């Protein structure tokens, strides 16, 4: 996945619709939270077994769309905050590895 290319595409998309006036870190963080809540809502009353097979149910496409929305807002927020998302993720994985060392 080329995060920089996606950021450019999303920035252009927002520019073409004059949405940058709304795409500040506060609003993007709030929108990210809303989209995450929409994803959670899909799973809210499912059993663990139902959740495991959701992609083969009628809700599979809905799950994909909500996950994409979460990713879009996260990428847009990182862009607005000038965060290198790939580096931030790589750094966090290393940090988590030190905090939670493998028992193997």
PDB file of N, CA and C in Angstrom:
ATOM      1  N   UNK A   1       0.846  -1.173   0.000  1.00  0.00           N
ATOM      2  CA  UNK A   1       0.000   0.000   0.000  1.00  0.00           C
ATOM      3  C   UNK A   1       0.892   1.237   0.000  1.00  0.00           C
ATOM      4  N   UNK A   2       0.621   2.131  -0.886  1.00  0.00           N
ATOM      5  CA  UNK A   2       1.388   3.368  -0.979  1.00  0.00           C
ATOM      6  C   UNK A   2       0.610   4.486  -0.272  1.00  0.00           C
ATOM      7  N   UNK A   3       0.928   4.679   1.004  1.00  0.00           N
ATOM      8  CA  UNK A   3       0.204   5.652   1.829  1.00  0.00           C
ATOM      9  C   UNK A   3       0.312   7.058   1.240  1.00  0.00           C
ATOM     10  N   UNK A   4       1.496   7.436   0.797  1.00  0.00           N
ATOM     11  CA  UNK A   4       1.678   8.793   0.235  1.00  0.00           C
ATOM     12  C   UNK A   4       0.775   9.007  -0.978  1.00  0.00           C
ATOM     13  N   UNK A   5       0.670   8.012  -1.832  1.00  0.00           N
ATOM     14  CA  UNK A   5      -0.192   8.134  -3.014  1.00  0.00           C
ATOM     15  C   UNK A   5      -1.658   8.254  -2.604  1.00  0.00           C
ATOM     16  N   UNK A   6      -2.048   7.501  -1.594  1.00  0.00           N
ATOM     17  CA  UNK A   6      -3.428   7.590  -1.115  1.00  0.00           C
ATOM     18  C   UNK A   6      -3.676   8.961  -0.490  1.00  0.00           C
ATOM     19  N   UNK A   7      -2.703   9.469   0.270  1.00  0.00           N
ATOM     20  CA  UNK A   7      -2.849  10.808   0.850  1.00  0.00           C
ATOM     21  C   UNK A   7      -3.028  11.858  -0.241  1.00  0.00           C
ATOM     22  N   UNK A   8      -2.257  11.738  -1.297  1.00  0.00           N
ATOM     23  CA  UNK A   8      -2.377  12.675  -2.413  1.00  0.00           C
ATOM     24  C   UNK A   8      -3.760  12.568  -3.049  1.00  0.00           C
ATOM     25  N   UNK A   9      -4.221  11.360  -3.265  1.00  0.00           N
ATOM     26  CA  UNK A   9      -5.536  11.142  -3.859  1.00  0.00           C
ATOM     27  C   UNK A   9      -6.647  11.711  -2.961  1.00  0.00           C
ATOM     28  N   UNK A  10      -6.560  11.466  -1.666  1.00  0.00           N
ATOM     29  CA  UNK A  10      -7.573  11.975  -0.744  1.00  0.00           C
ATOM     30  C   UNK A  10      -7.528  13.493  -0.644  1.00  0.00           C
ATOM     31  N   UNK A  11      -6.339  14.062  -0.665  1.00  0.00           N
ATOM     32  CA  UNK A  11      -6.201  15.519  -0.630  1.00  0.00           C
ATOM     33  C   UNK A  11      -6.835  16.152  -1.857  1.00  0.00           C
ATOM     34  N   UNK A  12      -6.580  15.572  -3.018  1.00  0.00           N
ATOM     35  CA  UNK A  12      -7.172  16.063  -4.261  1.00  0.00           C
ATOM     36  C   UNK A  12      -8.691  15.943  -4.208  1.00  0.00           C
ATOM     37  N   UNK A  13      -9.178  14.822  -3.714  1.00  0.00           N
ATOM     38  CA  UNK A  13     -10.617  14.586  -3.586  1.00  0.00           C
ATOM     39  C   UNK A  13     -11.250  15.686  -2.717  1.00  0.00           C
ATOM     40  N   UNK A  14     -10.616  15.984  -1.574  1.00  0.00           N
ATOM     41  CA  UNK A  14     -11.130  17.027  -0.669  1.00  0.00           C
ATOM     42  C   UNK A  14     -11.046  18.404  -1.322  1.00  0.00           C
ATOM     43  N   UNK A  15      -9.936  18.682  -1.999  1.00  0.00           N
ATOM     44  CA  UNK A  15      -9.773  19.975  -2.682  1.00  0.00           C
ATOM     45  C   UNK A  15     -10.878  20.200  -3.704  1.00  0.00           C
ATOM     46  N   UNK A  16     -11.170  19.176  -4.488  1.00  0.00           N
ATOM     47  CA  UNK A  16     -12.168  19.294  -5.552  1.00  0.00           C
ATOM     48  C   UNK A  16     -13.573  19.554  -5.009  1.00  0.00           C
ATOM     49  N   UNK A  17     -13.791  19.262  -3.748  1.00  0.00           N
ATOM     50  CA  UNK A  17     -15.108  19.433  -3.147  1.00  0.00           C
ATOM     51  C   UNK A  17     -15.137  20.550  -2.109  1.00  0.00           C
ATOM     52  N   UNK A  18     -14.022  21.270  -1.991  1.00  0.00           N
ATOM     53  CA  UNK A  18     -13.868  22.353  -1.017  1.00  0.00           C
ATOM     54  C   UNK A  18     -14.112  21.851   0.414  1.00  0.00           C
ATOM     55  N   UNK A  19     -13.621  20.661   0.703  1.00  0.00           N
ATOM     56  CA  UNK A  19     -13.802  20.075   2.027  1.00  0.00           C
ATOM     57  C   UNK A  19     -12.658  20.383   2.989  1.00  0.00           C
ATOM     58  N   UNK A  20     -11.563  20.964   2.503  1.00  0.00           N
ATOM     59  CA  UNK A  20     -10.437  21.223   3.397  1.00  0.00           C
ATOM     60  C   UNK A  20     -10.808  22.154   4.537  1.00  0.00           C
ATOM     61  N   UNK A  21     -11.814  22.978   4.316  1.00  0.00           N
ATOM     62  CA  UNK A  21     -12.267  23.852   5.397  1.00  0.00           C
ATOM     63  C   UNK A  21     -12.781  23.044   6.594  1.00  0.00           C
ATOM     64  N   UNK A  22     -13.187  21.814   6.339  1.00  0.00           N
ATOM     65  CA  UNK A  22     -13.694  20.942   7.397  1.00  0.00           C
ATOM     66  C   UNK A  22     -12.666  19.914   7.862  1.00  0.00           C
ATOM     67  N   UNK A  23     -11.618  19.716   7.070  1.00  0.00           N
ATOM     68  CA  UNK A  23     -10.647  18.662   7.363  1.00  0.00           C
ATOM     69  C   UNK A  23      -9.509  19.175   8.240  1.00  0.00           C
ATOM     70  N   UNK A  24      -9.863  19.526   9.455  1.00  0.00           N
ATOM     71  CA  UNK A  24      -8.853  19.879  10.453  1.00  0.00           C
ATOM     72  C   UNK A  24      -8.704  18.681  11.383  1.00  0.00           C
ATOM     73  N   UNK A  25      -7.633  18.630  12.160  1.00  0.00           N
ATOM     74  CA  UNK A  25      -7.409  17.448  13.004  1.00  0.00           C
ATOM     75  C   UNK A  25      -8.576  17.111  13.925  1.00  0.00           C
ATOM     76  N   UNK A  26      -9.204  18.104  14.530  1.00  0.00           N
ATOM     77  CA  UNK A  26     -10.331  17.836  15.430  1.00  0.00           C
ATOM     78  C   UNK A  26     -11.467  17.150  14.682  1.00  0.00           C
ATOM     79  N   UNK A  27     -11.874  17.715  13.564  1.00  0.00           N
ATOM     80  CA  UNK A  27     -12.990  17.149  12.815  1.00  0.00           C
ATOM     81  C   UNK A  27     -12.661  15.772  12.255  1.00  0.00           C
ATOM     82  N   UNK A  28     -11.439  15.595  11.789  1.00  0.00           N
ATOM     83  CA  UNK A  28     -11.049  14.297  11.248  1.00  0.00           C
ATOM     84  C   UNK A  28     -11.006  13.229  12.337  1.00  0.00           C
ATOM     85  N   UNK A  29     -10.522  13.603  13.534  1.00  0.00           N
ATOM     86  CA  UNK A  29     -10.509  12.648  14.656  1.00  0.00           C
ATOM     87  C   UNK A  29     -11.942  12.273  15.046  1.00  0.00           C
ATOM     88  N   UNK A  30     -12.831  13.251  15.039  1.00  0.00           N
ATOM     89  CA  UNK A  30     -14.228  12.968  15.356  1.00  0.00           C
ATOM     90  C   UNK A  30     -14.853  12.069  14.290  1.00  0.00           C
ATOM     91  N   UNK A  31     -14.590  12.354  13.022  1.00  0.00           N
ATOM     92  CA  UNK A  31     -15.128  11.540  11.934  1.00  0.00           C
ATOM     93  C   UNK A  31     -14.582  10.115  12.011  1.00  0.00           C
ATOM     94  N   UNK A  32     -13.302   9.984  12.362  1.00  0.00           N
ATOM     95  CA  UNK A  32     -12.699   8.667  12.535  1.00  0.00           C
ATOM     96  C   UNK A  32     -13.423   7.892  13.635  1.00  0.00           C
ATOM     97  N   UNK A  33     -13.731   8.562  14.720  1.00  0.00           N
ATOM     98  CA  UNK A  33     -14.454   7.933  15.819  1.00  0.00           C
ATOM     99  C   UNK A  33     -15.847   7.485  15.380  1.00  0.00           C
ATOM    100  N   UNK A  34     -16.530   8.302  14.611  1.00  0.00           N
ATOM    101  CA  UNK A  34     -17.865   7.955  14.128  1.00  0.00           C
ATOM    102  C   UNK A  34     -17.804   6.726  13.228  1.00  0.00           C
ATOM    103  N   UNK A  35     -16.852   6.707  12.308  1.00  0.00           N
ATOM    104  CA  UNK A  35     -16.732   5.565  11.393  1.00  0.00           C
ATOM    105  C   UNK A  35     -16.364   4.294  12.149  1.00  0.00           C
ATOM    106  N   UNK A  36     -15.519   4.426  13.157  1.00  0.00           N
ATOM    107  CA  UNK A  36     -15.169   3.267  13.980  1.00  0.00           C
ATOM    108  C   UNK A  36     -16.396   2.757  14.718  1.00  0.00           C
ATOM    109  N   UNK A  37     -17.213   3.682  15.198  1.00  0.00           N
ATOM    110  CA  UNK A  37     -18.453   3.285  15.868  1.00  0.00           C
ATOM    111  C   UNK A  37     -19.400   2.569  14.919  1.00  0.00           C
ATOM    112  N   UNK A  38     -19.449   3.009  13.671  1.00  0.00           N
ATOM    113  CA  UNK A  38     -20.289   2.333  12.682  1.00  0.00           C
ATOM    114  C   UNK A  38     -19.799   0.904  12.436  1.00  0.00           C
ATOM    115  N   UNK A  39     -18.495   0.707  12.459  1.00  0.00           N
ATOM    116  CA  UNK A  39     -17.937  -0.634  12.324  1.00  0.00           C
ATOM    117  C   UNK A  39     -18.300  -1.487  13.545  1.00  0.00           C
ATOM    118  N   UNK A  40     -18.150  -0.909  14.720  1.00  0.00           N
ATOM    119  CA  UNK A  40     -18.479  -1.621  15.955  1.00  0.00           C
ATOM    120  C   UNK A  40     -19.952  -2.018  15.970  1.00  0.00           C
ATOM    121  N   UNK A  41     -20.809  -1.137  15.475  1.00  0.00           N
ATOM    122  CA  UNK A  41     -22.245  -1.404  15.478  1.00  0.00           C
ATOM    123  C   UNK A  41     -22.597  -2.684  14.714  1.00  0.00           C
ATOM    124  N   UNK A  42     -21.868  -2.954  13.657  1.00  0.00           N
ATOM    125  CA  UNK A  42     -22.122  -4.170  12.873  1.00  0.00           C
ATOM    126  C   UNK A  42     -21.939  -5.418  13.738  1.00  0.00           C
ATOM    127  N   UNK A  43     -20.950  -5.379  14.615  1.00  0.00           N
ATOM    128  CA  UNK A  43     -20.591  -6.540  15.436  1.00  0.00           C
ATOM    129  C   UNK A  43     -21.293  -6.564  16.797  1.00  0.00           C
ATOM    130  N   UNK A  44     -21.978  -5.488  17.130  1.00  0.00           N
ATOM    131  CA  UNK A  44     -22.471  -5.265  18.491  1.00  0.00           C
ATOM    132  C   UNK A  44     -23.160  -6.456  19.141  1.00  0.00           C
ATOM    133  N   UNK A  45     -24.086  -7.084  18.489  1.00  0.00           N
ATOM    134  CA  UNK A  45     -24.860  -8.144  19.132  1.00  0.00           C
ATOM    135  C   UNK A  45     -24.552  -9.527  18.572  1.00  0.00           C
ATOM    136  N   UNK A  46     -23.459  -9.642  17.863  1.00  0.00           N
ATOM    137  CA  UNK A  46     -23.093 -10.946  17.313  1.00  0.00           C
ATOM    138  C   UNK A  46     -22.400 -11.811  18.360  1.00  0.00           C
ATOM    139  N   UNK A  47     -22.552 -13.097  18.213  1.00  0.00           N
ATOM    140  CA  UNK A  47     -21.759 -14.020  19.026  1.00  0.00           C
ATOM    141  C   UNK A  47     -20.343 -14.039  18.444  1.00  0.00           C
ATOM    142  N   UNK A  48     -19.370 -14.510  19.205  1.00  0.00           N
ATOM    143  CA  UNK A  48     -18.027 -14.636  18.636  1.00  0.00           C
ATOM    144  C   UNK A  48     -18.016 -15.498  17.368  1.00  0.00           C
ATOM    145  N   UNK A  49     -18.849 -16.517  17.352  1.00  0.00           N
ATOM    146  CA  UNK A  49     -18.904 -17.392  16.180  1.00  0.00           C
ATOM    147  C   UNK A  49     -19.472 -16.658  14.961  1.00  0.00           C
ATOM    148  N   UNK A  50     -20.499 -15.862  15.164  1.00  0.00           N
ATOM    149  CA  UNK A  50     -21.070 -15.080  14.068  1.00  0.00           C
ATOM    150  C   UNK A  50     -20.066 -14.047  13.556  1.00  0.00           C
ATOM    151  N   UNK A  51     -19.328 -13.441  14.469  1.00  0.00           N
ATOM    152  CA  UNK A  51     -18.329 -12.445  14.082  1.00  0.00           C
ATOM    153  C   UNK A  51     -17.225 -13.067  13.226  1.00  0.00           C
ATOM    154  N   UNK A  52     -16.857 -14.295  13.534  1.00  0.00           N
ATOM    155  CA  UNK A  52     -15.802 -14.986  12.798  1.00  0.00           C
ATOM    156  C   UNK A  52     -16.154 -15.212  11.329  1.00  0.00           C
ATOM    157  N   UNK A  53     -17.437 -15.374  11.042  1.00  0.00           N
ATOM    158  CA  UNK A  53     -17.860 -15.693   9.673  1.00  0.00           C
ATOM    159  C   UNK A  53     -18.597 -14.536   8.997  1.00  0.00           C
ATOM    160  N   UNK A  54     -18.463 -13.353   9.545  1.00  0.00           N
ATOM    161  CA  UNK A  54     -19.248 -12.220   9.033  1.00  0.00           C
ATOM    162  C   UNK A  54     -18.967 -11.908   7.566  1.00  0.00           C
ATOM    163  N   UNK A  55     -17.753 -12.153   7.109  1.00  0.00           N
ATOM    164  CA  UNK A  55     -17.427 -11.810   5.725  1.00  0.00           C
ATOM    165  C   UNK A  55     -18.151 -12.694   4.723  1.00  0.00           C
ATOM    166  N   UNK A  56     -18.659 -13.822   5.164  1.00  0.00           N
ATOM    167  CA  UNK A  56     -19.431 -14.676   4.257  1.00  0.00           C
ATOM    168  C   UNK A  56     -20.935 -14.464   4.437  1.00  0.00           C
ATOM    169  N   UNK A  57     -21.278 -13.461   5.236  1.00  0.00           N
ATOM    170  CA  UNK A  57     -22.694 -13.143   5.450  1.00  0.00           C
ATOM    171  C   UNK A  57     -23.090 -11.961   4.570  1.00  0.00           C
ATOM    172  N   UNK A  58     -24.318 -11.554   4.687  1.00  0.00           N
ATOM    173  CA  UNK A  58     -24.803 -10.396   3.947  1.00  0.00           C
ATOM    174  C   UNK A  58     -24.185  -9.085   4.410  1.00  0.00           C
ATOM    175  N   UNK A  59     -23.487  -9.104   5.529  1.00  0.00           N
ATOM    176  CA  UNK A  59     -22.860  -7.894   6.070  1.00  0.00           C
ATOM    177  C   UNK A  59     -21.407  -7.720   5.631  1.00  0.00           C
ATOM    178  N   UNK A  60     -20.878  -8.667   4.889  1.00  0.00           N
ATOM    179  CA  UNK A  60     -19.467  -8.611   4.497  1.00  0.00           C
ATOM    180  C   UNK A  60     -19.093  -7.324   3.770  1.00  0.00           C
ATOM    181  N   UNK A  61     -19.899  -6.917   2.814  1.00  0.00           N
ATOM    182  CA  UNK A  61     -19.615  -5.690   2.056  1.00  0.00           C
ATOM    183  C   UNK A  61     -19.688  -4.461   2.959  1.00  0.00           C
ATOM    184  N   UNK A  62     -20.644  -4.469   3.858  1.00  0.00           N
ATOM    185  CA  UNK A  62     -20.778  -3.355   4.806  1.00  0.00           C
ATOM    186  C   UNK A  62     -19.530  -3.243   5.685  1.00  0.00           C
ATOM    187  N   UNK A  63     -19.027  -4.364   6.159  1.00  0.00           N
ATOM    188  CA  UNK A  63     -17.799  -4.385   6.963  1.00  0.00           C
ATOM    189  C   UNK A  63     -16.640  -3.785   6.168  1.00  0.00           C
ATOM    190  N   UNK A  64     -16.483  -4.215   4.915  1.00  0.00           N
ATOM    191  CA  UNK A  64     -15.394  -3.681   4.070  1.00  0.00           C
ATOM    192  C   UNK A  64     -15.506  -2.172   3.917  1.00  0.00           C
ATOM    193  N   UNK A  65     -16.716  -1.688   3.689  1.00  0.00           N
ATOM    194  CA  UNK A  65     -16.914  -0.256   3.501  1.00  0.00           C
ATOM    195  C   UNK A  65     -16.578   0.536   4.766  1.00  0.00           C
ATOM    196  N   UNK A  66     -16.999   0.035   5.908  1.00  0.00           N
ATOM    197  CA  UNK A  66     -16.710   0.752   7.156  1.00  0.00           C
ATOM    198  C   UNK A  66     -15.221   0.719   7.486  1.00  0.00           C
ATOM    199  N   UNK A  67     -14.570  -0.409   7.234  1.00  0.00           N
ATOM    200  CA  UNK A  67     -13.118  -0.467   7.455  1.00  0.00           C
ATOM    201  C   UNK A  67     -12.407   0.506   6.518  1.00  0.00           C
ATOM    202  N   UNK A  68     -12.862   0.595   5.281  1.00  0.00           N
ATOM    203  CA  UNK A  68     -12.272   1.554   4.336  1.00  0.00           C
ATOM    204  C   UNK A  68     -12.482   2.983   4.831  1.00  0.00           C
ATOM    205  N   UNK A  69     -13.667   3.293   5.341  1.00  0.00           N
ATOM    206  CA  UNK A  69     -13.919   4.639   5.871  1.00  0.00           C
ATOM    207  C   UNK A  69     -12.978   4.959   7.027  1.00  0.00           C
ATOM    208  N   UNK A  70     -12.786   3.994   7.927  1.00  0.00           N
ATOM    209  CA  UNK A  70     -11.861   4.190   9.049  1.00  0.00           C
ATOM    210  C   UNK A  70     -10.459   4.487   8.520  1.00  0.00           C
ATOM    211  N   UNK A  71     -10.013   3.697   7.560  1.00  0.00           N
ATOM    212  CA  UNK A  71      -8.674   3.867   6.996  1.00  0.00           C
ATOM    213  C   UNK A  71      -8.533   5.220   6.304  1.00  0.00           C
ATOM    214  N   UNK A  72      -9.555   5.615   5.569  1.00  0.00           N
ATOM    215  CA  UNK A  72      -9.510   6.899   4.858  1.00  0.00           C
ATOM    216  C   UNK A  72      -9.352   8.045   5.846  1.00  0.00           C
ATOM    217  N   UNK A  73     -10.160   8.065   6.886  1.00  0.00           N
ATOM    218  CA  UNK A  73     -10.048   9.155   7.861  1.00  0.00           C
ATOM    219  C   UNK A  73      -8.726   9.105   8.617  1.00  0.00           C
ATOM    220  N   UNK A  74      -8.232   7.912   8.923  1.00  0.00           N
ATOM    221  CA  UNK A  74      -6.942   7.789   9.607  1.00  0.00           C
ATOM    222  C   UNK A  74      -5.811   8.316   8.727  1.00  0.00           C
ATOM    223  N   UNK A  75      -5.816   7.940   7.466  1.00  0.00           N
ATOM    224  CA  UNK A  75      -4.784   8.413   6.540  1.00  0.00           C
ATOM    225  C   UNK A  75      -4.874   9.922   6.361  1.00  0.00           C
ATOM    226  N   UNK A  76      -6.078  10.436   6.250  1.00  0.00           N
ATOM    227  CA  UNK A  76      -6.273  11.881   6.095  1.00  0.00           C
ATOM    228  C   UNK A  76      -5.791  12.635   7.329  1.00  0.00           C
ATOM    229  N   UNK A  77      -6.104  12.114   8.517  1.00  0.00           N
ATOM    230  CA  UNK A  77      -5.658  12.735   9.761  1.00  0.00           C
ATOM    231  C   UNK A  77      -4.139  12.738   9.865  1.00  0.00           C
ATOM    232  N   UNK A  78      -3.525  11.621   9.550  1.00  0.00           N
ATOM    233  CA  UNK A  78      -2.055  11.542   9.590  1.00  0.00           C
ATOM    234  C   UNK A  78      -1.440  12.554   8.625  1.00  0.00           C
ATOM    235  N   UNK A  79      -2.040  12.710   7.456  1.00  0.00           N
ATOM    236  CA  UNK A  79      -1.553  13.677   6.478  1.00  0.00           C
ATOM    237  C   UNK A  79      -1.644  15.090   7.037  1.00  0.00           C
ATOM    238  N   UNK A  80      -2.785  15.442   7.611  1.00  0.00           N
ATOM    239  CA  UNK A  80      -2.973  16.786   8.163  1.00  0.00           C
ATOM    240  C   UNK A  80      -2.015  17.079   9.309  1.00  0.00           C
ATOM    241  N   UNK A  81      -1.644  16.041  10.060  1.00  0.00           N
ATOM    242  CA  UNK A  81      -0.728  16.209  11.190  1.00  0.00           C
ATOM    243  C   UNK A  81       0.729  15.971  10.801  1.00  0.00           C
ATOM    244  N   UNK A  82       0.960  15.737   9.517  1.00  0.00           N
ATOM    245  CA  UNK A  82       2.301  15.499   8.982  1.00  0.00           C
ATOM    246  C   UNK A  82       2.989  14.321   9.692  1.00  0.00           C
ATOM    247  N   UNK A  83       2.227  13.261   9.871  1.00  0.00           N
ATOM    248  CA  UNK A  83       2.744  12.033  10.475  1.00  0.00           C
ATOM    249  C   UNK A  83       3.035  11.039   9.359  1.00  0.00           C
ATOM    250  N   UNK A  84       4.252  10.520   9.353  1.00  0.00           N
ATOM    251  CA  UNK A  84       4.610   9.453   8.431  1.00  0.00           C
ATOM    252  C   UNK A  84       4.000   8.180   9.010  1.00  0.00           C
ATOM    253  N   UNK A  85       2.854   7.812   8.489  1.00  0.00           N
ATOM    254  CA  UNK A  85       2.084   6.711   9.057  1.00  0.00           C
ATOM    255  C   UNK A  85       2.835   5.386   9.019  1.00  0.00           C
ATOM    256  N   UNK A  86       3.530   5.112   7.931  1.00  0.00           N
ATOM    257  CA  UNK A  86       4.283   3.861   7.835  1.00  0.00           C
ATOM    258  C   UNK A  86       5.377   3.804   8.896  1.00  0.00           C
ATOM    259  N   UNK A  87       6.081   4.911   9.103  1.00  0.00           N
ATOM    260  CA  UNK A  87       7.134   4.958  10.116  1.00  0.00           C
ATOM    261  C   UNK A  87       6.539   4.876  11.514  1.00  0.00           C
ATOM    262  N   UNK A  88       5.429   5.572  11.733  1.00  0.00           N
ATOM    263  CA  UNK A  88       4.780   5.543  13.046  1.00  0.00           C
ATOM    264  C   UNK A  88       4.353   4.125  13.408  1.00  0.00           C
ATOM    265  N   UNK A  89       3.807   3.389  12.444  1.00  0.00           N
ATOM    266  CA  UNK A  89       3.382   2.007  12.685  1.00  0.00           C
ATOM    267  C   UNK A  89       4.594   1.120  12.959  1.00  0.00           C
ATOM    268  N   UNK A  90       5.633   1.266  12.144  1.00  0.00           N
ATOM    269  CA  UNK A  90       6.850   0.465  12.333  1.00  0.00           C
ATOM    270  C   UNK A  90       7.466   0.736  13.703  1.00  0.00           C
ATOM    271  N   UNK A  91       7.535   2.011  14.088  1.00  0.00           N
ATOM    272  CA  UNK A  91       8.084   2.376  15.395  1.00  0.00           C
ATOM    273  C   UNK A  91       7.250   1.796  16.533  1.00  0.00           C
ATOM    274  N   UNK A  92       5.935   1.830  16.375  1.00  0.00           N
ATOM    275  CA  UNK A  92       5.049   1.324  17.423  1.00  0.00           C
ATOM    276  C   UNK A  92       5.151  -0.193  17.561  1.00  0.00           C
ATOM    277  N   UNK A  93       5.339  -0.888  16.455  1.00  0.00           N
ATOM    278  CA  UNK A  93       5.524  -2.341  16.520  1.00  0.00           C
ATOM    279  C   UNK A  93       6.782  -2.679  17.309  1.00  0.00           C
ATOM    280  N   UNK A  94       7.853  -1.947  17.063  1.00  0.00           N
ATOM    281  CA  UNK A  94       9.098  -2.153  17.810  1.00  0.00           C
ATOM    282  C   UNK A  94       8.868  -1.871  19.292  1.00  0.00           C
ATOM    283  N   UNK A  95       8.209  -0.756  19.584  1.00  0.00           N
ATOM    284  CA  UNK A  95       7.932  -0.391  20.976  1.00  0.00           C
ATOM    285  C   UNK A  95       7.081  -1.456  21.660  1.00  0.00           C
ATOM    286  N   UNK A  96       6.046  -1.947  20.963  1.00  0.00           N
ATOM    287  CA  UNK A  96       5.193  -2.991  21.527  1.00  0.00           C
ATOM    288  C   UNK A  96       5.972  -4.282  21.763  1.00  0.00           C
ATOM    289  N   UNK A  97       6.928  -4.586  20.871  1.00  0.00           N
ATOM    290  CA  UNK A  97       7.760  -5.762  21.035  1.00  0.00           C
ATOM    291  C   UNK A  97       8.606  -5.702  22.291  1.00  0.00           C
ATOM    292  N   UNK A  98       9.076  -4.518  22.630  1.00  0.00           N
ATOM    293  CA  UNK A  98       9.868  -4.333  23.853  1.00  0.00           C
ATOM    294  C   UNK A  98       8.968  -4.396  25.081  1.00  0.00           C
ATOM    295  N   UNK A  99       7.779  -3.829  24.962  1.00  0.00           N
ATOM    296  CA  UNK A  99       6.846  -3.801  26.085  1.00  0.00           C
ATOM    297  C   UNK A  99       6.253  -5.181  26.354  1.00  0.00           C
ATOM    298  N   UNK A 100       6.031  -5.934  25.277  1.00  0.00           N
ATOM    299  CA  UNK A 100       5.422  -7.262  25.382  1.00  0.00           C
ATOM    300  C   UNK A 100       6.310  -8.279  24.667  1.00  0.00           C
ATOM    301  N   UNK A 101       7.431  -8.657  25.281  1.00  0.00           N
ATOM    302  CA  UNK A 101       8.359  -9.573  24.612  1.00  0.00           C
ATOM    303  C   UNK A 101       7.733 -10.954  24.401  1.00  0.00           C
ATOM    304  N   UNK A 102       8.179 -11.596  23.342  1.00  0.00           N
ATOM    305  CA  UNK A 102       7.695 -12.932  23.016  1.00  0.00           C
ATOM    306  C   UNK A 102       8.128 -13.931  24.077  1.00  0.00           C
ATOM    307  N   UNK A 103       7.268 -14.874  24.359  1.00  0.00           N
ATOM    308  CA  UNK A 103       7.600 -15.911  25.328  1.00  0.00           C
ATOM    309  C   UNK A 103       8.194 -17.125  24.649  1.00  0.00           C
ATOM    310  N   UNK A 104       8.385 -17.022  23.343  1.00  0.00           N
ATOM    311  CA  UNK A 104       8.967 -18.153  22.594  1.00  0.00           C
ATOM    312  C   UNK A 104      10.429 -17.949  22.393  1.00  0.00           C
TER     313      UNK A 104
END
